[in-house]
C-alpha atoms as a PDB file:
ATOM      1  CA  UNK A   1     -12.467   9.117  -5.425  1.00  0.00           C
ATOM      2  CA  UNK A   2     -10.712  10.160  -2.214  1.00  0.00           C
ATOM      3  CA  UNK A   3     -14.086  10.480  -0.448  1.00  0.00           C
ATOM      4  CA  UNK A   4     -15.143   6.946  -1.453  1.00  0.00           C
ATOM      5  CA  UNK A   5     -11.832   5.544  -0.237  1.00  0.00           C
ATOM      6  CA  UNK A   6     -12.170   7.360   3.096  1.00  0.00           C
ATOM      7  CA  UNK A   7     -15.699   6.041   3.585  1.00  0.00           C
ATOM      8  CA  UNK A   8     -14.563   2.510   2.812  1.00  0.00           C
ATOM      9  CA  UNK A   9     -11.673   2.735   5.255  1.00  0.00           C
ATOM     10  CA  UNK A  10     -14.000   4.058   7.947  1.00  0.00           C
ATOM     11  CA  UNK A  11     -16.411   1.178   7.429  1.00  0.00           C
ATOM     12  CA  UNK A  12     -13.578  -1.325   7.426  1.00  0.00           C
ATOM     13  CA  UNK A  13     -12.253   0.154  10.681  1.00  0.00           C
ATOM     14  CA  UNK A  14     -15.603  -0.433  12.377  1.00  0.00           C
ATOM     15  CA  UNK A  15     -15.721  -3.982  11.017  1.00  0.00           C
ATOM     16  CA  UNK A  16     -12.240  -4.880  12.191  1.00  0.00           C
ATOM     17  CA  UNK A  17     -12.868  -3.304  15.586  1.00  0.00           C
ATOM     18  CA  UNK A  18     -15.669  -5.828  16.116  1.00  0.00           C
ATOM     19  CA  UNK A  19     -13.476  -8.846  15.403  1.00  0.00           C
ATOM     20  CA  UNK A  20     -11.292 -10.723  17.852  1.00  0.00           C
ATOM     21  CA  UNK A  21      -7.512 -10.846  17.985  1.00  0.00           C
ATOM     22  CA  UNK A  22      -7.813 -14.430  16.767  1.00  0.00           C
ATOM     23  CA  UNK A  23      -9.217 -13.343  13.412  1.00  0.00           C
ATOM     24  CA  UNK A  24      -7.760 -14.442  10.102  1.00  0.00           C
ATOM     25  CA  UNK A  25      -4.109 -13.720   9.428  1.00  0.00           C
ATOM     26  CA  UNK A  26      -2.419 -13.450   6.079  1.00  0.00           C
ATOM     27  CA  UNK A  27       1.056 -14.495   5.005  1.00  0.00           C
ATOM     28  CA  UNK A  28       3.768 -11.878   5.434  1.00  0.00           C
ATOM     29  CA  UNK A  29       6.159 -10.854   2.671  1.00  0.00           C
ATOM     30  CA  UNK A  30       9.297  -9.012   3.800  1.00  0.00           C
ATOM     31  CA  UNK A  31       9.779  -6.084   1.402  1.00  0.00           C
ATOM     32  CA  UNK A  32      13.383  -6.077   0.135  1.00  0.00           C
ATOM     33  CA  UNK A  33      14.232  -8.414   2.981  1.00  0.00           C
ATOM     34  CA  UNK A  34      13.789  -7.538   6.633  1.00  0.00           C
ATOM     35  CA  UNK A  35      15.828  -4.358   7.041  1.00  0.00           C
ATOM     36  CA  UNK A  36      14.059  -2.950  10.094  1.00  0.00           C
ATOM     37  CA  UNK A  37      13.774  -3.330  13.839  1.00  0.00           C
ATOM     38  CA  UNK A  38      10.507  -2.058  15.245  1.00  0.00           C
ATOM     39  CA  UNK A  39       9.581   0.821  12.929  1.00  0.00           C
ATOM     40  CA  UNK A  40      13.149   1.904  12.142  1.00  0.00           C
ATOM     41  CA  UNK A  41      15.487   0.765   9.381  1.00  0.00           C
ATOM     42  CA  UNK A  42      18.553  -0.784  11.000  1.00  0.00           C
ATOM     43  CA  UNK A  43      20.334  -2.345   8.038  1.00  0.00           C
ATOM     44  CA  UNK A  44      20.537  -2.010   4.258  1.00  0.00           C
ATOM     45  CA  UNK A  45      17.558  -3.344   2.299  1.00  0.00           C
ATOM     46  CA  UNK A  46      18.065  -5.816  -0.554  1.00  0.00           C
ATOM     47  CA  UNK A  47      21.217  -7.211   1.053  1.00  0.00           C
ATOM     48  CA  UNK A  48      22.186 -10.652   2.298  1.00  0.00           C
ATOM     49  CA  UNK A  49      21.890  -9.340   5.859  1.00  0.00           C
ATOM     50  CA  UNK A  50      18.278  -8.288   5.206  1.00  0.00           C
ATOM     51  CA  UNK A  51      17.579 -11.708   3.699  1.00  0.00           C
ATOM     52  CA  UNK A  52      19.128 -13.512   6.678  1.00  0.00           C
ATOM     53  CA  UNK A  53      16.974 -11.466   9.034  1.00  0.00           C
ATOM     54  CA  UNK A  54      13.878 -12.483   7.068  1.00  0.00           C
ATOM     55  CA  UNK A  55      14.942 -16.107   7.321  1.00  0.00           C
ATOM     56  CA  UNK A  56      15.441 -15.799  11.082  1.00  0.00           C
ATOM     57  CA  UNK A  57      12.008 -14.311  11.842  1.00  0.00           C
ATOM     58  CA  UNK A  58      10.244 -16.914   9.718  1.00  0.00           C
ATOM     59  CA  UNK A  59       8.126 -14.809   7.372  1.00  0.00           C
ATOM     60  CA  UNK A  60       6.439 -16.645   4.525  1.00  0.00           C
ATOM     61  CA  UNK A  61       8.182 -14.757   1.742  1.00  0.00           C
ATOM     62  CA  UNK A  62      10.836 -12.231   0.796  1.00  0.00           C
ATOM     63  CA  UNK A  63      10.742  -9.722  -2.076  1.00  0.00           C
ATOM     64  CA  UNK A  64      13.840  -8.371  -3.830  1.00  0.00           C
ATOM     65  CA  UNK A  65      14.751  -6.436  -6.981  1.00  0.00           C
ATOM     66  CA  UNK A  66      17.024  -7.482  -9.848  1.00  0.00           C
ATOM     67  CA  UNK A  67      18.829  -5.369 -12.453  1.00  0.00           C
ATOM     68  CA  UNK A  68      21.021  -6.325 -15.408  1.00  0.00           C
ATOM     69  CA  UNK A  69      24.381  -4.544 -15.231  1.00  0.00           C
ATOM     70  CA  UNK A  70      26.192  -2.941 -18.168  1.00  0.00           C
ATOM     71  CA  UNK A  71      28.319  -6.089 -18.516  1.00  0.00           C
ATOM     72  CA  UNK A  72      25.380  -8.497 -18.322  1.00  0.00           C
ATOM     73  CA  UNK A  73      25.516  -9.518 -14.657  1.00  0.00           C
ATOM     74  CA  UNK A  74      22.598  -9.660 -12.204  1.00  0.00           C
ATOM     75  CA  UNK A  75      22.571  -7.492  -9.078  1.00  0.00           C
ATOM     76  CA  UNK A  76      20.078  -6.874  -6.266  1.00  0.00           C
ATOM     77  CA  UNK A  77      19.104  -3.220  -5.697  1.00  0.00           C
ATOM     78  CA  UNK A  78      15.842  -1.293  -5.780  1.00  0.00           C
ATOM     79  CA  UNK A  79      16.632   1.876  -7.718  1.00  0.00           C
ATOM     80  CA  UNK A  80      18.690   1.917 -10.877  1.00  0.00           C
ATOM     81  CA  UNK A  81      20.717   4.778  -9.374  1.00  0.00           C
ATOM     82  CA  UNK A  82      23.045   3.648  -6.590  1.00  0.00           C
ATOM     83  CA  UNK A  83      25.102   6.799  -6.041  1.00  0.00           C
ATOM     84  CA  UNK A  84      26.290   9.805  -8.011  1.00  0.00           C
ATOM     85  CA  UNK A  85      27.753   8.462 -11.255  1.00  0.00           C
ATOM     86  CA  UNK A  86      26.914   4.853 -10.374  1.00  0.00           C
ATOM     87  CA  UNK A  87      23.872   2.949 -11.661  1.00  0.00           C
ATOM     88  CA  UNK A  88      22.925  -0.711 -11.762  1.00  0.00           C
ATOM     89  CA  UNK A  89      22.262  -0.787 -15.493  1.00  0.00           C
ATOM     90  CA  UNK A  90      24.970   1.634 -16.608  1.00  0.00           C
ATOM     91  CA  UNK A  91      27.881   0.321 -14.524  1.00  0.00           C
ATOM     92  CA  UNK A  92      29.879  -2.896 -14.467  1.00  0.00           C
ATOM     93  CA  UNK A  93      29.645  -5.512 -11.755  1.00  0.00           C
ATOM     94  CA  UNK A  94      33.130  -4.618 -10.478  1.00  0.00           C
ATOM     95  CA  UNK A  95      32.176  -0.945 -10.189  1.00  0.00           C
ATOM     96  CA  UNK A  96      28.986  -1.808  -8.327  1.00  0.00           C
ATOM     97  CA  UNK A  97      30.686  -4.279  -5.990  1.00  0.00           C
ATOM     98  CA  UNK A  98      33.237  -1.658  -4.981  1.00  0.00           C
ATOM     99  CA  UNK A  99      30.440   0.491  -3.543  1.00  0.00           C
ATOM    100  CA  UNK A 100      29.264   0.203   0.061  1.00  0.00           C
ATOM    101  CA  UNK A 101      25.700   0.951   1.145  1.00  0.00           C
ATOM    102  CA  UNK A 102      24.893   3.207   4.148  1.00  0.00           C
ATOM    103  CA  UNK A 103      25.173   0.397   6.707  1.00  0.00           C
ATOM    104  CA  UNK A 104      28.354  -0.898   5.080  1.00  0.00           C
ATOM    105  CA  UNK A 105      26.985  -3.798   3.065  1.00  0.00           C
ATOM    106  CA  UNK A 106      27.891  -4.788  -0.481  1.00  0.00           C
ATOM    107  CA  UNK A 107      25.278  -5.030  -3.211  1.00  0.00           C
ATOM    108  CA  UNK A 108      24.738  -8.780  -3.759  1.00  0.00           C
ATOM    109  CA  UNK A 109      24.465 -10.702  -6.988  1.00  0.00           C
ATOM    110  CA  UNK A 110      21.402 -12.798  -7.787  1.00  0.00           C
ATOM    111  CA  UNK A 111      23.423 -15.990  -7.381  1.00  0.00           C
ATOM    112  CA  UNK A 112      24.572 -14.951  -3.894  1.00  0.00           C
ATOM    113  CA  UNK A 113      21.017 -14.081  -2.890  1.00  0.00           C
ATOM    114  CA  UNK A 114      19.549 -17.348  -4.142  1.00  0.00           C
ATOM    115  CA  UNK A 115      22.271 -19.484  -2.586  1.00  0.00           C
ATOM    116  CA  UNK A 116      21.422 -17.909   0.779  1.00  0.00           C
ATOM    117  CA  UNK A 117      17.675 -18.223   0.125  1.00  0.00           C
ATOM    118  CA  UNK A 118      18.039 -21.889  -0.778  1.00  0.00           C
ATOM    119  CA  UNK A 119      18.947 -22.613   2.854  1.00  0.00           C
ATOM    120  CA  UNK A 120      15.293 -21.995   3.806  1.00  0.00           C
ATOM    121  CA  UNK A 121      13.228 -23.533   0.986  1.00  0.00           C
ATOM    122  CA  UNK A 122       9.988 -22.805   2.829  1.00  0.00           C
ATOM    123  CA  UNK A 123      10.666 -19.057   2.458  1.00  0.00           C
ATOM    124  CA  UNK A 124       9.142 -18.046  -0.873  1.00  0.00           C
ATOM    125  CA  UNK A 125      11.143 -15.617  -3.005  1.00  0.00           C
ATOM    126  CA  UNK A 126       9.543 -12.844  -5.088  1.00  0.00           C
ATOM    127  CA  UNK A 127      11.978 -11.584  -7.690  1.00  0.00           C
ATOM    128  CA  UNK A 128      10.989  -8.205  -9.100  1.00  0.00           C
ATOM    129  CA  UNK A 129      12.313  -7.688 -12.611  1.00  0.00           C
ATOM    130  CA  UNK A 130      13.354  -4.045 -12.871  1.00  0.00           C
ATOM    131  CA  UNK A 131      12.516  -2.424 -16.196  1.00  0.00           C
ATOM    132  CA  UNK A 132      15.655  -2.230 -18.318  1.00  0.00           C
ATOM    133  CA  UNK A 133      16.375   1.173 -19.850  1.00  0.00           C
ATOM    134  CA  UNK A 134      18.273  -0.426 -22.736  1.00  0.00           C
ATOM    135  CA  UNK A 135      15.390  -2.732 -23.669  1.00  0.00           C
ATOM    136  CA  UNK A 136      17.120  -5.893 -22.435  1.00  0.00           C
ATOM    137  CA  UNK A 137      14.105  -7.305 -20.565  1.00  0.00           C
ATOM    138  CA  UNK A 138      14.180 -10.655 -22.401  1.00  0.00           C
ATOM    139  CA  UNK A 139      17.877 -11.040 -21.597  1.00  0.00           C
ATOM    140  CA  UNK A 140      17.262 -10.141 -17.950  1.00  0.00           C
ATOM    141  CA  UNK A 141      14.527 -12.770 -17.721  1.00  0.00           C
ATOM    142  CA  UNK A 142      16.622 -15.422 -19.444  1.00  0.00           C
ATOM    143  CA  UNK A 143      19.611 -14.858 -17.173  1.00  0.00           C
ATOM    144  CA  UNK A 144      17.455 -14.945 -14.027  1.00  0.00           C
ATOM    145  CA  UNK A 145      15.782 -18.157 -15.138  1.00  0.00           C
ATOM    146  CA  UNK A 146      19.165 -19.718 -15.888  1.00  0.00           C
ATOM    147  CA  UNK A 147      20.337 -19.209 -12.292  1.00  0.00           C
ATOM    148  CA  UNK A 148      17.017 -20.330 -10.824  1.00  0.00           C
ATOM    149  CA  UNK A 149      17.029 -23.545 -12.858  1.00  0.00           C
ATOM    150  CA  UNK A 150      20.686 -24.231 -12.116  1.00  0.00           C
ATOM    151  CA  UNK A 151      20.002 -23.977  -8.380  1.00  0.00           C
ATOM    152  CA  UNK A 152      16.795 -26.031  -8.725  1.00  0.00           C
ATOM    153  CA  UNK A 153      14.669 -23.319  -7.095  1.00  0.00           C
ATOM    154  CA  UNK A 154      11.627 -23.064  -9.365  1.00  0.00           C
ATOM    155  CA  UNK A 155       9.242 -24.169  -6.617  1.00  0.00           C
ATOM    156  CA  UNK A 156      10.518 -21.415  -4.324  1.00  0.00           C
ATOM    157  CA  UNK A 157      10.198 -18.569  -6.836  1.00  0.00           C
ATOM    158  CA  UNK A 158       7.765 -15.977  -8.127  1.00  0.00           C
ATOM    159  CA  UNK A 159       8.596 -13.273 -10.686  1.00  0.00           C
ATOM    160  CA  UNK A 160       7.059  -9.843 -10.300  1.00  0.00           C
ATOM    161  CA  UNK A 161       6.730  -6.848 -12.642  1.00  0.00           C
ATOM    162  CA  UNK A 162       4.646  -3.722 -13.225  1.00  0.00           C
ATOM    163  CA  UNK A 163       4.719  -4.486 -16.962  1.00  0.00           C
ATOM    164  CA  UNK A 164       2.421  -7.062 -18.557  1.00  0.00           C
ATOM    165  CA  UNK A 165       4.732  -7.508 -21.534  1.00  0.00           C
ATOM    166  CA  UNK A 166       7.535  -8.509 -19.147  1.00  0.00           C
ATOM    167  CA  UNK A 167       5.318 -11.076 -17.403  1.00  0.00           C
ATOM    168  CA  UNK A 168       4.157 -12.400 -20.768  1.00  0.00           C
ATOM    169  CA  UNK A 169       7.805 -12.854 -21.764  1.00  0.00           C
ATOM    170  CA  UNK A 170       8.500 -14.722 -18.513  1.00  0.00           C
ATOM    171  CA  UNK A 171       5.686 -17.155 -19.291  1.00  0.00           C
ATOM    172  CA  UNK A 172       6.890 -17.512 -22.859  1.00  0.00           C
ATOM    173  CA  UNK A 173      10.352 -18.496 -21.641  1.00  0.00           C
ATOM    174  CA  UNK A 174       9.147 -20.542 -18.658  1.00  0.00           C
ATOM    175  CA  UNK A 175       5.430 -21.435 -18.529  1.00  0.00           C
ATOM    176  CA  UNK A 176       5.841 -23.000 -15.071  1.00  0.00           C
ATOM    177  CA  UNK A 177       7.031 -19.790 -13.416  1.00  0.00           C
ATOM    178  CA  UNK A 178       4.555 -18.136 -11.045  1.00  0.00           C
ATOM    179  CA  UNK A 179       4.203 -14.529 -12.136  1.00  0.00           C
ATOM    180  CA  UNK A 180       2.784 -11.591 -10.188  1.00  0.00           C
ATOM    181  CA  UNK A 181       1.356  -8.402 -11.674  1.00  0.00           C
ATOM    182  CA  UNK A 182       2.298  -5.349  -9.616  1.00  0.00           C
ATOM    183  CA  UNK A 183       0.203  -2.183  -9.854  1.00  0.00           C
ATOM    184  CA  UNK A 184      -0.151   1.173  -8.133  1.00  0.00           C
ATOM    185  CA  UNK A 185      -2.491   2.675 -10.740  1.00  0.00           C
ATOM    186  CA  UNK A 186      -6.237   2.574 -10.188  1.00  0.00           C
ATOM    187  CA  UNK A 187      -6.893   2.999 -13.904  1.00  0.00           C
ATOM    188  CA  UNK A 188      -4.289   0.527 -15.186  1.00  0.00           C
ATOM    189  CA  UNK A 189      -4.928  -2.460 -12.922  1.00  0.00           C
ATOM    190  CA  UNK A 190      -6.249  -5.608 -14.562  1.00  0.00           C
ATOM    191  CA  UNK A 191      -9.535  -7.122 -13.415  1.00  0.00           C
ATOM    192  CA  UNK A 192      -9.678 -10.702 -12.094  1.00  0.00           C
ATOM    193  CA  UNK A 193     -10.973 -11.917 -15.473  1.00  0.00           C
ATOM    194  CA  UNK A 194      -8.122 -10.201 -17.315  1.00  0.00           C
ATOM    195  CA  UNK A 195      -5.506 -11.577 -14.923  1.00  0.00           C
ATOM    196  CA  UNK A 196      -6.875 -15.106 -15.306  1.00  0.00           C
ATOM    197  CA  UNK A 197      -6.977 -14.796 -19.107  1.00  0.00           C
ATOM    198  CA  UNK A 198      -3.284 -13.870 -19.192  1.00  0.00           C
ATOM    199  CA  UNK A 199      -2.347 -16.847 -17.011  1.00  0.00           C
ATOM    200  CA  UNK A 200      -0.903 -14.833 -14.133  1.00  0.00           C
ATOM    201  CA  UNK A 201      -0.597 -16.544 -10.768  1.00  0.00           C
ATOM    202  CA  UNK A 202      -1.066 -13.502  -8.530  1.00  0.00           C
ATOM    203  CA  UNK A 203      -1.531  -9.750  -8.266  1.00  0.00           C
ATOM    204  CA  UNK A 204       0.254  -7.309  -5.965  1.00  0.00           C
ATOM    205  CA  UNK A 205      -1.922  -4.212  -5.749  1.00  0.00           C
ATOM    206  CA  UNK A 206      -1.310  -1.005  -3.855  1.00  0.00           C
ATOM    207  CA  UNK A 207      -3.852  -0.316  -1.127  1.00  0.00           C
ATOM    208  CA  UNK A 208      -5.280   2.661  -3.041  1.00  0.00           C
ATOM    209  CA  UNK A 209      -6.046   0.370  -5.984  1.00  0.00           C
ATOM    210  CA  UNK A 210      -7.630  -2.588  -4.297  1.00  0.00           C
ATOM    211  CA  UNK A 211      -9.680  -0.721  -1.686  1.00  0.00           C
ATOM    212  CA  UNK A 212     -11.570   0.892  -4.547  1.00  0.00           C
ATOM    213  CA  UNK A 213     -12.309  -2.596  -5.895  1.00  0.00           C
ATOM    214  CA  UNK A 214     -12.833  -4.765  -2.833  1.00  0.00           C
ATOM    215  CA  UNK A 215     -15.205  -6.943  -4.858  1.00  0.00           C
ATOM    216  CA  UNK A 216     -12.162  -8.138  -6.796  1.00  0.00           C
ATOM    217  CA  UNK A 217     -10.668  -9.872  -3.743  1.00  0.00           C
ATOM    218  CA  UNK A 218     -13.244 -12.669  -3.716  1.00  0.00           C
ATOM    219  CA  UNK A 219     -13.132 -12.897  -7.507  1.00  0.00           C
ATOM    220  CA  UNK A 220      -9.371 -13.369  -7.442  1.00  0.00           C
ATOM    221  CA  UNK A 221      -9.672 -16.046  -4.765  1.00  0.00           C
ATOM    222  CA  UNK A 222     -12.440 -17.871  -6.639  1.00  0.00           C
ATOM    223  CA  UNK A 223     -10.180 -17.974  -9.696  1.00  0.00           C
ATOM    224  CA  UNK A 224      -7.207 -19.353  -7.733  1.00  0.00           C
ATOM    225  CA  UNK A 225      -5.252 -16.089  -7.991  1.00  0.00           C
ATOM    226  CA  UNK A 226      -3.214 -15.020  -4.970  1.00  0.00           C
ATOM    227  CA  UNK A 227      -3.471 -11.437  -3.744  1.00  0.00           C
ATOM    228  CA  UNK A 228      -0.683  -9.307  -2.258  1.00  0.00           C
ATOM    229  CA  UNK A 229      -1.526  -6.007  -0.527  1.00  0.00           C
ATOM    230  CA  UNK A 230       1.114  -3.265  -0.250  1.00  0.00           C
ATOM    231  CA  UNK A 231       2.310  -1.391   1.673  1.00  0.00           C
ATOM    232  CA  UNK A 232       1.132  -2.743   5.007  1.00  0.00           C
ATOM    233  CA  UNK A 233       3.146  -1.102   7.772  1.00  0.00           C
ATOM    234  CA  UNK A 234       0.616  -0.891  10.618  1.00  0.00           C
ATOM    235  CA  UNK A 235      -1.225  -3.535  12.694  1.00  0.00           C
ATOM    236  CA  UNK A 236      -4.540  -2.027  11.582  1.00  0.00           C
ATOM    237  CA  UNK A 237      -3.810  -2.619   7.887  1.00  0.00           C
ATOM    238  CA  UNK A 238      -2.464  -6.093   8.651  1.00  0.00           C
ATOM    239  CA  UNK A 239      -5.697  -7.050  10.414  1.00  0.00           C
ATOM    240  CA  UNK A 240      -7.797  -5.397   7.718  1.00  0.00           C
ATOM    241  CA  UNK A 241      -6.017  -7.426   5.046  1.00  0.00           C
ATOM    242  CA  UNK A 242      -6.893 -10.605   6.931  1.00  0.00           C
ATOM    243  CA  UNK A 243     -10.534  -9.662   7.271  1.00  0.00           C
ATOM    244  CA  UNK A 244     -10.789  -8.750   3.581  1.00  0.00           C
ATOM    245  CA  UNK A 245      -9.296 -12.097   2.580  1.00  0.00           C
ATOM    246  CA  UNK A 246      -5.907 -11.202   1.098  1.00  0.00           C
ATOM    247  CA  UNK A 247      -3.407 -14.024   0.684  1.00  0.00           C
ATOM    248  CA  UNK A 248      -0.353 -11.889   1.514  1.00  0.00           C
ATOM    249  CA  UNK A 249       0.692  -8.533   2.902  1.00  0.00           C
ATOM    250  CA  UNK A 250       3.929  -6.818   1.938  1.00  0.00           C
ATOM    251  CA  UNK A 251       5.635  -4.930   4.762  1.00  0.00           C
ATOM    252  CA  UNK A 252       8.745  -2.936   5.602  1.00  0.00           C
ATOM    253  CA  UNK A 253       8.163  -3.315   9.345  1.00  0.00           C
ATOM    254  CA  UNK A 254       7.538  -6.894  10.444  1.00  0.00           C
ATOM    255  CA  UNK A 255       7.947  -6.110  14.146  1.00  0.00           C
ATOM    256  CA  UNK A 256       5.476  -3.245  14.020  1.00  0.00           C
ATOM    257  CA  UNK A 257       2.607  -5.082  12.321  1.00  0.00           C
ATOM    258  CA  UNK A 258       2.833  -8.292  14.361  1.00  0.00           C
ATOM    259  CA  UNK A 259       2.771  -6.761  17.844  1.00  0.00           C
END
């Protein structure tokens, strides 16, 4: 498996090397907002500051992560664990809001994030639903949808999950929501036909998954399914994604891949 991937990457390198700098470009998704300058992290990810930076540089989209707190509120943070003795899903909103991240920022609520995001409606928002350890996925989805509808932001939103049952529940509660299947497993990634059959709008596949199934890229496109490639943190991978026909790339380092 590793040998086949290496051979494919080598062939793709030769192909990209023969193309011009004016070759196809894909849309850029800022991973957890834009928290970096160059190839260094210079602010806290998943914060309003990271979102504002993404808005300022004009990327096409911004990804962020949502948890349901112990008292039923919605907060933006990647891991469930925030600090020793403090978790998103096991702590209250007040406890979480009292914490400060390494660069001094506060963990935002979903409402705060979306109110800031609404200022740039052209910037698409990918909301990753974090698996709930207490089995409250349906409640998490319902609460997120409530805020999105209240702020009239359906057209700006996608919902993302690694779990098909979560995405199926999103579509049950809101058939108009664009949902994205995330996967980092070569053996548990759905084929284009399976994705289409489930009514999903897009897939977000790790590079190790999709480069072993490059034939899927055209199949996804032919079926009207958007494709996100992650993680893309070098100019080479950014250009490769364009040549292979991906719709989006997900990056931590906008400055680094666009130079």
